[in-house]
Amino acid sequence: MRENGWLHEKKRRPNGITKADREAQKAENLLQGDFTADKPCRKLLTDITEIQCTDGKLYVSPIMDFFNGKIIALNMADNMR
C-alpha cells in the first residue's frame, strides 16, 4: 500500500475531548457483558462520534436497542452540548 501511495501516513492523535478524573467514582457494570435483551427498550446503548467535515466537526449520537439491534434515535449537531 505504501508503494502505491494508498497508505495515509499522518498519525492520528487524540484531541483531548475527554479528561480522566481520578476522583470520579467508577460506574457499576450493569450489563456484565450481556448485550441481549428479551424485550424492546430494556437495554439501550449510545455513544458520541466526532466526524471531521469540510466545514467543521459533526457530532453524531445514535441510540441502539439491544433487543433487535436497531437504531431508535439519532442526534447530529455541530457541538457536543
Protein backbone atom coordinates (compact mmCIF):
# COMPACT_ATOMS: atom_id res chain seq x y z
CA MET A 1 0.00 0.00 0.00
CA ARG A 2 2.84 2.37 0.82
CA GLU A 3 4.50 1.74 -2.57
CA ASN A 4 1.30 2.69 -4.42
CA GLY A 5 0.63 5.73 -2.26
CA TRP A 6 -2.57 4.26 -0.77
CA LEU A 7 -1.41 4.45 2.84
CA HIS A 8 -2.34 7.51 4.86
CA GLU A 9 0.87 8.36 6.72
CA LYS A 10 -0.48 11.01 9.09
CA LYS A 11 -0.56 9.65 12.64
CA ARG A 12 -3.86 10.07 14.44
CA ARG A 13 -3.61 11.75 17.81
CA PRO A 14 -6.44 12.09 20.32
CA ASN A 15 -7.69 15.65 20.55
CA GLY A 16 -8.28 15.52 24.29
CA ILE A 17 -12.06 15.88 24.44
CA THR A 18 -12.32 13.59 27.46
CA LYS A 19 -10.13 14.15 30.51
CA ALA A 20 -9.50 11.50 33.15
CA ASP A 21 -10.86 12.40 36.57
CA ARG A 22 -9.06 10.40 39.22
CA GLU A 23 -11.57 11.39 41.91
CA ALA A 24 -14.65 10.34 39.94
CA GLN A 25 -16.38 7.18 41.09
CA LYS A 26 -16.36 4.34 38.58
CA ALA A 27 -19.80 3.36 37.33
CA GLU A 28 -21.10 -0.09 38.16
CA ASN A 29 -21.03 -2.58 35.26
CA LEU A 30 -24.76 -3.26 35.00
CA LEU A 31 -24.61 -5.30 31.78
CA GLN A 32 -21.85 -7.69 32.86
CA GLY A 33 -21.11 -8.40 29.18
CA ASP A 34 -24.70 -9.48 28.38
CA PHE A 35 -25.64 -7.45 25.30
CA THR A 36 -29.00 -9.15 24.70
CA ALA A 37 -32.49 -8.12 25.79
CA ASP A 38 -35.73 -10.09 25.99
CA LYS A 39 -37.98 -7.04 25.44
CA PRO A 40 -37.66 -3.80 23.45
CA CYS A 41 -36.21 -0.75 25.26
CA ARG A 42 -34.85 -2.80 28.19
CA LYS A 43 -31.19 -2.19 27.30
CA LEU A 44 -30.08 0.78 25.22
CA LEU A 45 -26.64 1.88 24.04
CA THR A 46 -25.40 5.28 22.96
CA ASP A 47 -22.09 6.90 22.09
CA ILE A 48 -20.84 10.13 20.55
CA THR A 49 -18.79 10.03 17.36
CA GLU A 50 -16.90 13.05 16.07
CA ILE A 51 -16.73 13.29 12.27
CA GLN A 52 -14.41 15.78 10.60
CA CYS A 53 -16.20 17.50 7.68
CA THR A 54 -15.02 20.13 5.22
CA ASP A 55 -16.93 22.88 7.04
CA GLY A 56 -16.16 21.76 10.62
CA LYS A 57 -16.91 18.94 13.01
CA LEU A 58 -20.13 16.93 13.16
CA TYR A 59 -21.09 15.05 16.31
CA VAL A 60 -23.36 12.02 15.82
CA SER A 61 -25.04 10.16 18.68
CA PRO A 62 -27.27 7.16 17.88
CA ILE A 63 -29.29 5.19 20.43
CA MET A 64 -29.43 1.45 19.73
CA ASP A 65 -31.85 -1.07 21.22
CA PHE A 66 -30.14 -4.35 22.24
CA PHE A 67 -33.39 -6.27 21.62
CA ASN A 68 -33.12 -6.14 17.83
CA GLY A 69 -30.01 -4.02 17.17
CA LYS A 70 -31.97 -1.22 15.51
CA ILE A 71 -31.18 2.46 15.89
CA ILE A 72 -34.21 4.01 17.61
CA ALA A 73 -32.94 7.61 17.76
CA LEU A 74 -30.19 9.67 16.17
CA ASN A 75 -28.93 13.12 17.05
CA MET A 76 -26.48 15.21 15.00
CA ALA A 77 -25.04 18.58 15.96
CA ASP A 78 -22.04 20.84 15.38
CA ASN A 79 -21.24 20.78 19.13
CA MET A 80 -21.20 18.25 21.99
CA ARG A 81 -23.87 20.00 24.05
